[in-house]
Amino acid sequence: CSQSKEIHLEGIDFHGSSHKPEVEL
């Protein structure tokens, strides 16, 4: 939708430390 070559997208979560290993993959 932005037709961008470059974007910056941040995802945050209160319990992110428990999700981070699978999200990193």
PDB file of all heavy atoms in Angstrom:
ATOM      1  N   CYS A   1       0.813  -1.217   0.000  1.00  0.00           N
ATOM      2  CA  CYS A   1       0.000   0.000   0.000  1.00  0.00           C
ATOM      3  C   CYS A   1       0.848   1.268   0.000  1.00  0.00           C
ATOM      4  O   CYS A   1       0.426   2.298  -0.531  1.00  0.00           O
ATOM      5  CB  CYS A   1      -0.932   0.002   1.199  1.00  0.00           C
ATOM      6  SG  CYS A   1      -2.235  -1.241   1.084  1.00  0.00           S
ATOM      7  N   SER A   2       2.014   1.207   0.604  1.00  0.00           N
ATOM      8  CA  SER A   2       2.868   2.386   0.628  1.00  0.00           C
ATOM      9  C   SER A   2       3.829   2.428  -0.555  1.00  0.00           C
ATOM     10  O   SER A   2       4.481   3.444  -0.790  1.00  0.00           O
ATOM     11  CB  SER A   2       3.681   2.427   1.927  1.00  0.00           C
ATOM     12  OG  SER A   2       4.588   1.334   1.984  1.00  0.00           O
ATOM     13  N   GLN A   3       3.908   1.287  -1.287  1.00  0.00           N
ATOM     14  CA  GLN A   3       4.841   1.176  -2.410  1.00  0.00           C
ATOM     15  C   GLN A   3       6.252   1.581  -1.977  1.00  0.00           C
ATOM     16  O   GLN A   3       6.968   2.287  -2.688  1.00  0.00           O
ATOM     17  CB  GLN A   3       4.369   2.010  -3.601  1.00  0.00           C
ATOM     18  CG  GLN A   3       3.024   1.574  -4.140  1.00  0.00           C
ATOM     19  CD  GLN A   3       2.582   2.370  -5.357  1.00  0.00           C
ATOM     20  OE1 GLN A   3       3.077   3.450  -5.640  1.00  0.00           O
ATOM     21  NE2 GLN A   3       1.638   1.809  -6.109  1.00  0.00           N
ATOM     22  N   SER A   4       6.615   1.129  -0.773  1.00  0.00           N
ATOM     23  CA  SER A   4       7.891   1.519  -0.186  1.00  0.00           C
ATOM     24  C   SER A   4       8.982   0.484  -0.426  1.00  0.00           C
ATOM     25  O   SER A   4       8.733  -0.721  -0.357  1.00  0.00           O
ATOM     26  CB  SER A   4       7.740   1.717   1.330  1.00  0.00           C
ATOM     27  OG  SER A   4       6.841   2.739   1.627  1.00  0.00           O
ATOM     28  N   LYS A   5      10.161   0.971  -0.686  1.00  0.00           N
ATOM     29  CA  LYS A   5      11.325   0.098  -0.708  1.00  0.00           C
ATOM     30  C   LYS A   5      11.817  -0.142   0.716  1.00  0.00           C
ATOM     31  O   LYS A   5      12.452  -1.141   1.003  1.00  0.00           O
ATOM     32  CB  LYS A   5      12.441   0.721  -1.556  1.00  0.00           C
ATOM     33  CG  LYS A   5      12.126   0.795  -3.041  1.00  0.00           C
ATOM     34  CD  LYS A   5      13.306   1.362  -3.820  1.00  0.00           C
ATOM     35  CE  LYS A   5      13.004   1.392  -5.321  1.00  0.00           C
ATOM     36  NZ  LYS A   5      14.129   1.948  -6.094  1.00  0.00           N
ATOM     37  N   GLU A   6      11.512   0.804   1.580  1.00  0.00           N
ATOM     38  CA  GLU A   6      11.977   0.713   2.962  1.00  0.00           C
ATOM     39  C   GLU A   6      10.864   1.126   3.910  1.00  0.00           C
ATOM     40  O   GLU A   6      10.212   2.153   3.718  1.00  0.00           O
ATOM     41  CB  GLU A   6      13.185   1.631   3.162  1.00  0.00           C
ATOM     42  CG  GLU A   6      13.773   1.589   4.554  1.00  0.00           C
ATOM     43  CD  GLU A   6      14.978   2.505   4.704  1.00  0.00           C
ATOM     44  OE1 GLU A   6      15.483   2.973   3.673  1.00  0.00           O
ATOM     45  OE2 GLU A   6      15.392   2.753   5.850  1.00  0.00           O
ATOM     46  N   ILE A   7      10.627   0.296   4.928  1.00  0.00           N
ATOM     47  CA  ILE A   7       9.667   0.636   5.975  1.00  0.00           C
ATOM     48  C   ILE A   7      10.307   0.363   7.333  1.00  0.00           C
ATOM     49  O   ILE A   7      11.313  -0.348   7.427  1.00  0.00           O
ATOM     50  CB  ILE A   7       8.357  -0.174   5.862  1.00  0.00           C
ATOM     51  CG1 ILE A   7       8.629  -1.665   6.101  1.00  0.00           C
ATOM     52  CG2 ILE A   7       7.670   0.053   4.537  1.00  0.00           C
ATOM     53  CD1 ILE A   7       7.364  -2.490   6.265  1.00  0.00           C
ATOM     54  N   HIS A   8       9.704   0.937   8.365  1.00  0.00           N
ATOM     55  CA  HIS A   8      10.122   0.657   9.734  1.00  0.00           C
ATOM     56  C   HIS A   8       8.870   0.277  10.512  1.00  0.00           C
ATOM     57  O   HIS A   8       7.999   1.119  10.744  1.00  0.00           O
ATOM     58  CB  HIS A   8      10.811   1.869  10.354  1.00  0.00           C
ATOM     59  CG  HIS A   8      12.049   2.299   9.636  1.00  0.00           C
ATOM     60  ND1 HIS A   8      13.260   1.655   9.811  1.00  0.00           N
ATOM     61  CD2 HIS A   8      12.263   3.265   8.719  1.00  0.00           C
ATOM     62  CE1 HIS A   8      14.176   2.234   9.048  1.00  0.00           C
ATOM     63  NE2 HIS A   8      13.592   3.203   8.366  1.00  0.00           N
ATOM     64  N   LEU A   9       8.783  -0.983  10.873  1.00  0.00           N
ATOM     65  CA  LEU A   9       7.611  -1.506  11.560  1.00  0.00           C
ATOM     66  C   LEU A   9       8.043  -2.112  12.889  1.00  0.00           C
ATOM     67  O   LEU A   9       8.834  -3.050  12.919  1.00  0.00           O
ATOM     68  CB  LEU A   9       6.906  -2.556  10.692  1.00  0.00           C
ATOM     69  CG  LEU A   9       5.770  -3.357  11.338  1.00  0.00           C
ATOM     70  CD1 LEU A   9       4.668  -2.442  11.838  1.00  0.00           C
ATOM     71  CD2 LEU A   9       5.211  -4.373  10.337  1.00  0.00           C
ATOM     72  N   GLU A  10       7.517  -1.568  13.979  1.00  0.00           N
ATOM     73  CA  GLU A  10       7.835  -2.056  15.317  1.00  0.00           C
ATOM     74  C   GLU A  10       6.626  -2.783  15.900  1.00  0.00           C
ATOM     75  O   GLU A  10       5.512  -2.259  15.877  1.00  0.00           O
ATOM     76  CB  GLU A  10       8.191  -0.893  16.252  1.00  0.00           C
ATOM     77  CG  GLU A  10       9.347  -0.029  15.800  1.00  0.00           C
ATOM     78  CD  GLU A  10       9.501   1.190  16.693  1.00  0.00           C
ATOM     79  OE1 GLU A  10       9.203   1.095  17.904  1.00  0.00           O
ATOM     80  OE2 GLU A  10       9.900   2.256  16.177  1.00  0.00           O
ATOM     81  N   GLY A  11       6.857  -3.957  16.431  1.00  0.00           N
ATOM     82  CA  GLY A  11       5.831  -4.678  17.160  1.00  0.00           C
ATOM     83  C   GLY A  11       6.203  -4.710  18.624  1.00  0.00           C
ATOM     84  O   GLY A  11       7.364  -4.979  18.958  1.00  0.00           O
ATOM     85  N   ILE A  12       5.264  -4.402  19.504  1.00  0.00           N
ATOM     86  CA  ILE A  12       5.542  -4.441  20.935  1.00  0.00           C
ATOM     87  C   ILE A  12       4.458  -5.248  21.642  1.00  0.00           C
ATOM     88  O   ILE A  12       3.322  -5.333  21.180  1.00  0.00           O
ATOM     89  CB  ILE A  12       5.625  -3.035  21.562  1.00  0.00           C
ATOM     90  CG1 ILE A  12       4.264  -2.323  21.487  1.00  0.00           C
ATOM     91  CG2 ILE A  12       6.712  -2.204  20.904  1.00  0.00           C
ATOM     92  CD1 ILE A  12       4.177  -1.081  22.359  1.00  0.00           C
ATOM     93  N   ASP A  13       4.835  -5.837  22.774  1.00  0.00           N
ATOM     94  CA  ASP A  13       3.857  -6.570  23.573  1.00  0.00           C
ATOM     95  C   ASP A  13       4.313  -6.577  25.024  1.00  0.00           C
ATOM     96  O   ASP A  13       5.516  -6.675  25.309  1.00  0.00           O
ATOM     97  CB  ASP A  13       3.693  -8.006  23.080  1.00  0.00           C
ATOM     98  CG  ASP A  13       2.476  -8.674  23.688  1.00  0.00           C
ATOM     99  OD1 ASP A  13       1.372  -8.476  23.153  1.00  0.00           O
ATOM    100  OD2 ASP A  13       2.628  -9.375  24.715  1.00  0.00           O
ATOM    101  N   PHE A  14       3.365  -6.473  25.935  1.00  0.00           N
ATOM    102  CA  PHE A  14       3.663  -6.473  27.366  1.00  0.00           C
ATOM    103  C   PHE A  14       4.393  -7.750  27.769  1.00  0.00           C
ATOM    104  O   PHE A  14       5.297  -7.733  28.615  1.00  0.00           O
ATOM    105  CB  PHE A  14       2.362  -6.328  28.151  1.00  0.00           C
ATOM    106  CG  PHE A  14       2.535  -6.103  29.623  1.00  0.00           C
ATOM    107  CD1 PHE A  14       2.738  -4.822  30.112  1.00  0.00           C
ATOM    108  CD2 PHE A  14       2.484  -7.160  30.516  1.00  0.00           C
ATOM    109  CE1 PHE A  14       2.902  -4.607  31.484  1.00  0.00           C
ATOM    110  CE2 PHE A  14       2.644  -6.952  31.884  1.00  0.00           C
ATOM    111  CZ  PHE A  14       2.855  -5.667  32.374  1.00  0.00           C
ATOM    112  N   HIS A  15       4.002  -8.874  27.165  1.00  0.00           N
ATOM    113  CA  HIS A  15       4.638 -10.168  27.439  1.00  0.00           C
ATOM    114  C   HIS A  15       5.617 -10.561  26.327  1.00  0.00           C
ATOM    115  O   HIS A  15       5.833 -11.746  26.066  1.00  0.00           O
ATOM    116  CB  HIS A  15       3.573 -11.253  27.595  1.00  0.00           C
ATOM    117  CG  HIS A  15       2.677 -11.063  28.777  1.00  0.00           C
ATOM    118  ND1 HIS A  15       3.148 -10.970  30.064  1.00  0.00           N
ATOM    119  CD2 HIS A  15       1.326 -10.946  28.866  1.00  0.00           C
ATOM    120  CE1 HIS A  15       2.137 -10.805  30.904  1.00  0.00           C
ATOM    121  NE2 HIS A  15       1.024 -10.779  30.200  1.00  0.00           N
ATOM    122  N   GLY A  16       6.175  -9.576  25.669  1.00  0.00           N
ATOM    123  CA  GLY A  16       7.016  -9.848  24.506  1.00  0.00           C
ATOM    124  C   GLY A  16       8.212 -10.728  24.755  1.00  0.00           C
ATOM    125  O   GLY A  16       8.647 -11.454  23.864  1.00  0.00           O
ATOM    126  N   SER A  17       8.743 -10.712  25.978  1.00  0.00           N
ATOM    127  CA  SER A  17       9.931 -11.525  26.253  1.00  0.00           C
ATOM    128  C   SER A  17       9.647 -13.012  26.088  1.00  0.00           C
ATOM    129  O   SER A  17      10.522 -13.786  25.681  1.00  0.00           O
ATOM    130  CB  SER A  17      10.456 -11.245  27.667  1.00  0.00           C
ATOM    131  OG  SER A  17       9.436 -11.474  28.631  1.00  0.00           O
ATOM    132  N   SER A  18       8.412 -13.426  26.381  1.00  0.00           N
ATOM    133  CA  SER A  18       8.072 -14.849  26.233  1.00  0.00           C
ATOM    134  C   SER A  18       7.807 -15.226  24.781  1.00  0.00           C
ATOM    135  O   SER A  18       7.938 -16.382  24.396  1.00  0.00           O
ATOM    136  CB  SER A  18       6.850 -15.198  27.090  1.00  0.00           C
ATOM    137  OG  SER A  18       5.710 -14.460  26.666  1.00  0.00           O
ATOM    138  N   HIS A  19       7.440 -14.245  23.962  1.00  0.00           N
ATOM    139  CA  HIS A  19       7.149 -14.508  22.550  1.00  0.00           C
ATOM    140  C   HIS A  19       8.366 -14.309  21.643  1.00  0.00           C
ATOM    141  O   HIS A  19       8.375 -14.794  20.508  1.00  0.00           O
ATOM    142  CB  HIS A  19       6.038 -13.572  22.050  1.00  0.00           C
ATOM    143  CG  HIS A  19       4.731 -13.751  22.737  1.00  0.00           C
ATOM    144  ND1 HIS A  19       4.071 -14.949  22.798  1.00  0.00           N
ATOM    145  CD2 HIS A  19       3.938 -12.854  23.395  1.00  0.00           C
ATOM    146  CE1 HIS A  19       2.941 -14.802  23.466  1.00  0.00           C
ATOM    147  NE2 HIS A  19       2.836 -13.540  23.831  1.00  0.00           N
ATOM    148  N   LYS A  20       9.358 -13.593  22.136  1.00  0.00           N
ATOM    149  CA  LYS A  20      10.414 -13.123  21.245  1.00  0.00           C
ATOM    150  C   LYS A  20      11.143 -14.226  20.486  1.00  0.00           C
ATOM    151  O   LYS A  20      11.426 -14.056  19.293  1.00  0.00           O
ATOM    152  CB  LYS A  20      11.422 -12.281  22.026  1.00  0.00           C
ATOM    153  CG  LYS A  20      12.353 -11.493  21.102  1.00  0.00           C
ATOM    154  CD  LYS A  20      13.065 -10.381  21.830  1.00  0.00           C
ATOM    155  CE  LYS A  20      13.873  -9.553  20.840  1.00  0.00           C
ATOM    156  NZ  LYS A  20      14.540  -8.403  21.506  1.00  0.00           N
ATOM    157  N   PRO A  21      11.483 -15.375  21.105  1.00  0.00           N
ATOM    158  CA  PRO A  21      12.198 -16.406  20.336  1.00  0.00           C
ATOM    159  C   PRO A  21      11.461 -16.841  19.067  1.00  0.00           C
ATOM    160  O   PRO A  21      12.067 -16.939  17.999  1.00  0.00           O
ATOM    161  CB  PRO A  21      12.331 -17.562  21.341  1.00  0.00           C
ATOM    162  CG  PRO A  21      12.337 -16.885  22.675  1.00  0.00           C
ATOM    163  CD  PRO A  21      11.366 -15.753  22.524  1.00  0.00           C
ATOM    164  N   GLU A  22      10.153 -17.096  19.156  1.00  0.00           N
ATOM    165  CA  GLU A  22       9.419 -17.527  17.963  1.00  0.00           C
ATOM    166  C   GLU A  22       9.199 -16.372  17.001  1.00  0.00           C
ATOM    167  O   GLU A  22       9.213 -16.559  15.779  1.00  0.00           O
ATOM    168  CB  GLU A  22       8.081 -18.177  18.327  1.00  0.00           C
ATOM    169  CG  GLU A  22       7.060 -17.273  18.953  1.00  0.00           C
ATOM    170  CD  GLU A  22       5.724 -17.962  19.182  1.00  0.00           C
ATOM    171  OE1 GLU A  22       5.009 -18.246  18.200  1.00  0.00           O
ATOM    172  OE2 GLU A  22       5.386 -18.228  20.356  1.00  0.00           O
ATOM    173  N   VAL A  23       9.021 -15.150  17.535  1.00  0.00           N
ATOM    174  CA  VAL A  23       8.827 -14.004  16.659  1.00  0.00           C
ATOM    175  C   VAL A  23      10.102 -13.712  15.870  1.00  0.00           C
ATOM    176  O   VAL A  23      10.042 -13.378  14.685  1.00  0.00           O
ATOM    177  CB  VAL A  23       8.404 -12.754  17.460  1.00  0.00           C
ATOM    178  CG1 VAL A  23       8.358 -11.530  16.557  1.00  0.00           C
ATOM    179  CG2 VAL A  23       7.045 -12.974  18.103  1.00  0.00           C
ATOM    180  N   GLU A  24      11.252 -13.852  16.512  1.00  0.00           N
ATOM    181  CA  GLU A  24      12.517 -13.603  15.819  1.00  0.00           C
ATOM    182  C   GLU A  24      12.662 -14.510  14.599  1.00  0.00           C
ATOM    183  O   GLU A  24      13.160 -14.086  13.552  1.00  0.00           O
ATOM    184  CB  GLU A  24      13.692 -13.832  16.779  1.00  0.00           C
ATOM    185  CG  GLU A  24      13.813 -12.794  17.880  1.00  0.00           C
ATOM    186  CD  GLU A  24      14.328 -11.460  17.380  1.00  0.00           C
ATOM    187  OE1 GLU A  24      14.875 -11.410  16.273  1.00  0.00           O
ATOM    188  OE2 GLU A  24      14.171 -10.448  18.098  1.00  0.00           O
ATOM    189  N   LEU A  25      12.223 -15.752  14.718  1.00  0.00           N
ATOM    190  CA  LEU A  25      12.260 -16.673  13.580  1.00  0.00           C
ATOM    191  C   LEU A  25      11.266 -16.238  12.507  1.00  0.00           C
ATOM    192  O   LEU A  25      11.551 -16.318  11.313  1.00  0.00           O
ATOM    193  CB  LEU A  25      11.945 -18.096  14.040  1.00  0.00           C
ATOM    194  CG  LEU A  25      12.977 -18.766  14.955  1.00  0.00           C
ATOM    195  CD1 LEU A  25      12.442 -20.103  15.453  1.00  0.00           C
ATOM    196  CD2 LEU A  25      14.297 -18.980  14.208  1.00  0.00           C
TER     197      LEU A  25
END
